[in-house]
Amino acid sequence: MEEVVKKIAELSEAFLKDANAQVANGNKAAGQRARKASLEIEKLTKEFRKVSIEAAKK
């Protein structure tokens, strides 16, 4: 579970950096990277939910 949380944190930082670059500077490439990161974060949060539920059952 720690690994999933670590990956979410790393992707969240990258997402925020790229999303802010798009908003502040109109950087289209950064927007594309932010959207990709958001999809990866979504997958990892689903994985976290699954792992967290399993851990709670023990």
PDB file of N, CA and C in Angstrom:
ATOM      1  N   MET A   1       0.836  -1.183   0.000  1.00  0.00           N
ATOM      2  CA  MET A   1       0.000   0.000   0.000  1.00  0.00           C
ATOM      3  C   MET A   1       0.885   1.252   0.000  1.00  0.00           C
ATOM      4  N   GLU A   2       2.002   1.194   0.684  1.00  0.00           N
ATOM      5  CA  GLU A   2       2.894   2.357   0.745  1.00  0.00           C
ATOM      6  C   GLU A   2       3.382   2.753  -0.640  1.00  0.00           C
ATOM      7  N   GLU A   3       3.660   1.754  -1.459  1.00  0.00           N
ATOM      8  CA  GLU A   3       4.155   2.024  -2.809  1.00  0.00           C
ATOM      9  C   GLU A   3       3.095   2.754  -3.645  1.00  0.00           C
ATOM     10  N   VAL A   4       1.847   2.349  -3.505  1.00  0.00           N
ATOM     11  CA  VAL A   4       0.762   2.989  -4.239  1.00  0.00           C
ATOM     12  C   VAL A   4       0.620   4.442  -3.799  1.00  0.00           C
ATOM     13  N   VAL A   5       0.677   4.681  -2.496  1.00  0.00           N
ATOM     14  CA  VAL A   5       0.562   6.050  -1.975  1.00  0.00           C
ATOM     15  C   VAL A   5       1.727   6.902  -2.472  1.00  0.00           C
ATOM     16  N   LYS A   6       2.916   6.335  -2.495  1.00  0.00           N
ATOM     17  CA  LYS A   6       4.092   7.065  -2.972  1.00  0.00           C
ATOM     18  C   LYS A   6       3.937   7.450  -4.446  1.00  0.00           C
ATOM     19  N   LYS A   7       3.448   6.507  -5.260  1.00  0.00           N
ATOM     20  CA  LYS A   7       3.243   6.786  -6.677  1.00  0.00           C
ATOM     21  C   LYS A   7       2.185   7.865  -6.885  1.00  0.00           C
ATOM     22  N   ILE A   8       1.108   7.805  -6.088  1.00  0.00           N
ATOM     23  CA  ILE A   8       0.059   8.823  -6.188  1.00  0.00           C
ATOM     24  C   ILE A   8       0.633  10.198  -5.859  1.00  0.00           C
ATOM     25  N   ALA A   9       1.453  10.270  -4.821  1.00  0.00           N
ATOM     26  CA  ALA A   9       2.056  11.543  -4.432  1.00  0.00           C
ATOM     27  C   ALA A   9       2.952  12.098  -5.541  1.00  0.00           C
ATOM     28  N   GLU A  10       3.756  11.235  -6.139  1.00  0.00           N
ATOM     29  CA  GLU A  10       4.656  11.674  -7.214  1.00  0.00           C
ATOM     30  C   GLU A  10       3.868  12.173  -8.418  1.00  0.00           C
ATOM     31  N   LEU A  11       2.841  11.408  -8.799  1.00  0.00           N
ATOM     32  CA  LEU A  11       2.035  11.816  -9.940  1.00  0.00           C
ATOM     33  C   LEU A  11       1.248  13.094  -9.653  1.00  0.00           C
ATOM     34  N   SER A  12       0.819  13.247  -8.412  1.00  0.00           N
ATOM     35  CA  SER A  12       0.078  14.451  -8.039  1.00  0.00           C
ATOM     36  C   SER A  12       0.953  15.688  -8.178  1.00  0.00           C
ATOM     37  N   GLU A  13       2.197  15.584  -7.767  1.00  0.00           N
ATOM     38  CA  GLU A  13       3.132  16.703  -7.912  1.00  0.00           C
ATOM     39  C   GLU A  13       3.329  17.048  -9.380  1.00  0.00           C
ATOM     40  N   ALA A  14       3.526  16.020 -10.204  1.00  0.00           N
ATOM     41  CA  ALA A  14       3.720  16.247 -11.637  1.00  0.00           C
ATOM     42  C   ALA A  14       2.462  16.853 -12.249  1.00  0.00           C
ATOM     43  N   PHE A  15       1.297  16.354 -11.842  1.00  0.00           N
ATOM     44  CA  PHE A  15       0.036  16.882 -12.349  1.00  0.00           C
ATOM     45  C   PHE A  15      -0.099  18.365 -12.022  1.00  0.00           C
ATOM     46  N   LEU A  16       0.139  18.719 -10.761  1.00  0.00           N
ATOM     47  CA  LEU A  16       0.004  20.118 -10.349  1.00  0.00           C
ATOM     48  C   LEU A  16       0.968  21.027 -11.098  1.00  0.00           C
ATOM     49  N   LYS A  17       2.194  20.575 -11.272  1.00  0.00           N
ATOM     50  CA  LYS A  17       3.191  21.365 -11.990  1.00  0.00           C
ATOM     51  C   LYS A  17       2.726  21.626 -13.420  1.00  0.00           C
ATOM     52  N   ASP A  18       2.299  20.570 -14.107  1.00  0.00           N
ATOM     53  CA  ASP A  18       1.889  20.714 -15.504  1.00  0.00           C
ATOM     54  C   ASP A  18       0.570  21.466 -15.638  1.00  0.00           C
ATOM     55  N   ALA A  19      -0.375  21.204 -14.737  1.00  0.00           N
ATOM     56  CA  ALA A  19      -1.656  21.913 -14.793  1.00  0.00           C
ATOM     57  C   ALA A  19      -1.449  23.403 -14.572  1.00  0.00           C
ATOM     58  N   ASN A  20      -0.591  23.762 -13.629  1.00  0.00           N
ATOM     59  CA  ASN A  20      -0.301  25.176 -13.382  1.00  0.00           C
ATOM     60  C   ASN A  20       0.399  25.824 -14.576  1.00  0.00           C
ATOM     61  N   ALA A  21       1.267  25.075 -15.243  1.00  0.00           N
ATOM     62  CA  ALA A  21       1.945  25.605 -16.429  1.00  0.00           C
ATOM     63  C   ALA A  21       0.936  25.882 -17.541  1.00  0.00           C
ATOM     64  N   GLN A  22      -0.064  25.027 -17.659  1.00  0.00           N
ATOM     65  CA  GLN A  22      -1.084  25.252 -18.677  1.00  0.00           C
ATOM     66  C   GLN A  22      -1.929  26.478 -18.326  1.00  0.00           C
ATOM     67  N   VAL A  23      -2.339  26.557 -17.070  1.00  0.00           N
ATOM     68  CA  VAL A  23      -3.197  27.666 -16.651  1.00  0.00           C
ATOM     69  C   VAL A  23      -2.451  28.995 -16.723  1.00  0.00           C
ATOM     70  N   ALA A  24      -1.240  29.024 -16.206  1.00  0.00           N
ATOM     71  CA  ALA A  24      -0.488  30.274 -16.119  1.00  0.00           C
ATOM     72  C   ALA A  24       0.069  30.730 -17.464  1.00  0.00           C
ATOM     73  N   ASN A  25       0.561  29.778 -18.249  1.00  0.00           N
ATOM     74  CA  ASN A  25       1.280  30.148 -19.469  1.00  0.00           C
ATOM     75  C   ASN A  25       0.591  29.706 -20.751  1.00  0.00           C
ATOM     76  N   GLY A  26      -0.507  28.976 -20.628  1.00  0.00           N
ATOM     77  CA  GLY A  26      -1.171  28.462 -21.823  1.00  0.00           C
ATOM     78  C   GLY A  26      -0.376  27.377 -22.519  1.00  0.00           C
ATOM     79  N   ASN A  27       0.464  26.686 -21.773  1.00  0.00           N
ATOM     80  CA  ASN A  27       1.329  25.648 -22.321  1.00  0.00           C
ATOM     81  C   ASN A  27       0.493  24.405 -22.649  1.00  0.00           C
ATOM     82  N   LYS A  28       0.262  24.175 -23.946  1.00  0.00           N
ATOM     83  CA  LYS A  28      -0.590  23.064 -24.378  1.00  0.00           C
ATOM     84  C   LYS A  28       0.035  21.702 -24.074  1.00  0.00           C
ATOM     85  N   ALA A  29       1.337  21.578 -24.231  1.00  0.00           N
ATOM     86  CA  ALA A  29       2.015  20.307 -23.957  1.00  0.00           C
ATOM     87  C   ALA A  29       1.903  19.955 -22.476  1.00  0.00           C
ATOM     88  N   ALA A  30       2.013  20.957 -21.620  1.00  0.00           N
ATOM     89  CA  ALA A  30       1.873  20.723 -20.183  1.00  0.00           C
ATOM     90  C   ALA A  30       0.460  20.271 -19.866  1.00  0.00           C
ATOM     91  N   GLY A  31      -0.521  20.819 -20.552  1.00  0.00           N
ATOM     92  CA  GLY A  31      -1.903  20.390 -20.367  1.00  0.00           C
ATOM     93  C   GLY A  31      -2.093  18.937 -20.740  1.00  0.00           C
ATOM     94  N   GLN A  32      -1.458  18.521 -21.820  1.00  0.00           N
ATOM     95  CA  GLN A  32      -1.544  17.121 -22.238  1.00  0.00           C
ATOM     96  C   GLN A  32      -0.894  16.216 -21.198  1.00  0.00           C
ATOM     97  N   ARG A  33       0.238  16.615 -20.667  1.00  0.00           N
ATOM     98  CA  ARG A  33       0.906  15.821 -19.623  1.00  0.00           C
ATOM     99  C   ARG A  33       0.046  15.751 -18.369  1.00  0.00           C
ATOM    100  N   ALA A  34      -0.602  16.854 -18.017  1.00  0.00           N
ATOM    101  CA  ALA A  34      -1.466  16.888 -16.833  1.00  0.00           C
ATOM    102  C   ALA A  34      -2.656  15.945 -17.012  1.00  0.00           C
ATOM    103  N   ARG A  35      -3.240  15.942 -18.190  1.00  0.00           N
ATOM    104  CA  ARG A  35      -4.368  15.038 -18.442  1.00  0.00           C
ATOM    105  C   ARG A  35      -3.935  13.582 -18.348  1.00  0.00           C
ATOM    106  N   LYS A  36      -2.765  13.270 -18.874  1.00  0.00           N
ATOM    107  CA  LYS A  36      -2.248  11.899 -18.800  1.00  0.00           C
ATOM    108  C   LYS A  36      -2.006  11.511 -17.341  1.00  0.00           C
ATOM    109  N   ALA A  37      -1.421  12.421 -16.580  1.00  0.00           N
ATOM    110  CA  ALA A  37      -1.166  12.146 -15.159  1.00  0.00           C
ATOM    111  C   ALA A  37      -2.466  11.933 -14.411  1.00  0.00           C
ATOM    112  N   SER A  38      -3.511  12.685 -14.768  1.00  0.00           N
ATOM    113  CA  SER A  38      -4.795  12.536 -14.072  1.00  0.00           C
ATOM    114  C   SER A  38      -5.386  11.149 -14.314  1.00  0.00           C
ATOM    115  N   LEU A  39      -5.202  10.616 -15.500  1.00  0.00           N
ATOM    116  CA  LEU A  39      -5.681   9.260 -15.784  1.00  0.00           C
ATOM    117  C   LEU A  39      -4.905   8.219 -14.974  1.00  0.00           C
ATOM    118  N   GLU A  40      -3.608   8.413 -14.868  1.00  0.00           N
ATOM    119  CA  GLU A  40      -2.786   7.491 -14.084  1.00  0.00           C
ATOM    120  C   GLU A  40      -3.142   7.578 -12.603  1.00  0.00           C
ATOM    121  N   ILE A  41      -3.397   8.790 -12.125  1.00  0.00           N
ATOM    122  CA  ILE A  41      -3.799   8.971 -10.725  1.00  0.00           C
ATOM    123  C   ILE A  41      -5.122   8.255 -10.473  1.00  0.00           C
ATOM    124  N   GLU A  42      -6.041   8.357 -11.420  1.00  0.00           N
ATOM    125  CA  GLU A  42      -7.338   7.686 -11.280  1.00  0.00           C
ATOM    126  C   GLU A  42      -7.157   6.173 -11.123  1.00  0.00           C
ATOM    127  N   LYS A  43      -6.300   5.589 -11.952  1.00  0.00           N
ATOM    128  CA  LYS A  43      -6.041   4.148 -11.865  1.00  0.00           C
ATOM    129  C   LYS A  43      -5.444   3.784 -10.508  1.00  0.00           C
ATOM    130  N   LEU A  44      -4.494   4.608 -10.045  1.00  0.00           N
ATOM    131  CA  LEU A  44      -3.837   4.318  -8.773  1.00  0.00           C
ATOM    132  C   LEU A  44      -4.774   4.502  -7.584  1.00  0.00           C
ATOM    133  N   THR A  45      -5.679   5.463  -7.654  1.00  0.00           N
ATOM    134  CA  THR A  45      -6.610   5.634  -6.540  1.00  0.00           C
ATOM    135  C   THR A  45      -7.572   4.454  -6.461  1.00  0.00           C
ATOM    136  N   LYS A  46      -7.929   3.894  -7.599  1.00  0.00           N
ATOM    137  CA  LYS A  46      -8.755   2.684  -7.595  1.00  0.00           C
ATOM    138  C   LYS A  46      -7.980   1.523  -6.990  1.00  0.00           C
ATOM    139  N   GLU A  47      -6.696   1.419  -7.338  1.00  0.00           N
ATOM    140  CA  GLU A  47      -5.842   0.371  -6.771  1.00  0.00           C
ATOM    141  C   GLU A  47      -5.708   0.564  -5.261  1.00  0.00           C
ATOM    142  N   PHE A  48      -5.529   1.817  -4.833  1.00  0.00           N
ATOM    143  CA  PHE A  48      -5.423   2.102  -3.404  1.00  0.00           C
ATOM    144  C   PHE A  48      -6.687   1.673  -2.675  1.00  0.00           C
ATOM    145  N   ARG A  49      -7.826   1.979  -3.260  1.00  0.00           N
ATOM    146  CA  ARG A  49      -9.101   1.612  -2.637  1.00  0.00           C
ATOM    147  C   ARG A  49      -9.179   0.101  -2.452  1.00  0.00           C
ATOM    148  N   LYS A  50      -8.791  -0.637  -3.482  1.00  0.00           N
ATOM    149  CA  LYS A  50      -8.828  -2.100  -3.424  1.00  0.00           C
ATOM    150  C   LYS A  50      -7.891  -2.619  -2.332  1.00  0.00           C
ATOM    151  N   VAL A  51      -6.670  -2.123  -2.301  1.00  0.00           N
ATOM    152  CA  VAL A  51      -5.683  -2.559  -1.332  1.00  0.00           C
ATOM    153  C   VAL A  51      -6.096  -2.162   0.089  1.00  0.00           C
ATOM    154  N   SER A  52      -6.654  -0.972   0.213  1.00  0.00           N
ATOM    155  CA  SER A  52      -7.074  -0.475   1.514  1.00  0.00           C
ATOM    156  C   SER A  52      -8.223  -1.326   2.090  1.00  0.00           C
ATOM    157  N   ILE A  53      -9.155  -1.698   1.254  1.00  0.00           N
ATOM    158  CA  ILE A  53     -10.263  -2.541   1.702  1.00  0.00           C
ATOM    159  C   ILE A  53      -9.738  -3.893   2.155  1.00  0.00           C
ATOM    160  N   GLU A  54      -8.800  -4.468   1.396  1.00  0.00           N
ATOM    161  CA  GLU A  54      -8.219  -5.751   1.780  1.00  0.00           C
ATOM    162  C   GLU A  54      -7.486  -5.651   3.111  1.00  0.00           C
ATOM    163  N   ALA A  55      -6.762  -4.563   3.310  1.00  0.00           N
ATOM    164  CA  ALA A  55      -6.021  -4.377   4.559  1.00  0.00           C
ATOM    165  C   ALA A  55      -6.975  -4.200   5.749  1.00  0.00           C
ATOM    166  N   ALA A  56      -8.097  -3.566   5.520  1.00  0.00           N
ATOM    167  CA  ALA A  56      -9.070  -3.341   6.585  1.00  0.00           C
ATOM    168  C   ALA A  56      -9.759  -4.643   7.013  1.00  0.00           C
ATOM    169  N   LYS A  57      -9.813  -5.595   6.103  1.00  0.00           N
ATOM    170  CA  LYS A  57     -10.452  -6.875   6.406  1.00  0.00           C
ATOM    171  C   LYS A  57      -9.590  -7.742   7.324  1.00  0.00           C
ATOM    172  N   LYS A  58      -8.301  -7.469   7.343  1.00  0.00           N
ATOM    173  CA  LYS A  58      -7.381  -8.307   8.132  1.00  0.00           C
ATOM    174  C   LYS A  58      -7.367  -7.934   9.575  1.00  0.00           C
TER     175      LYS A  58
END
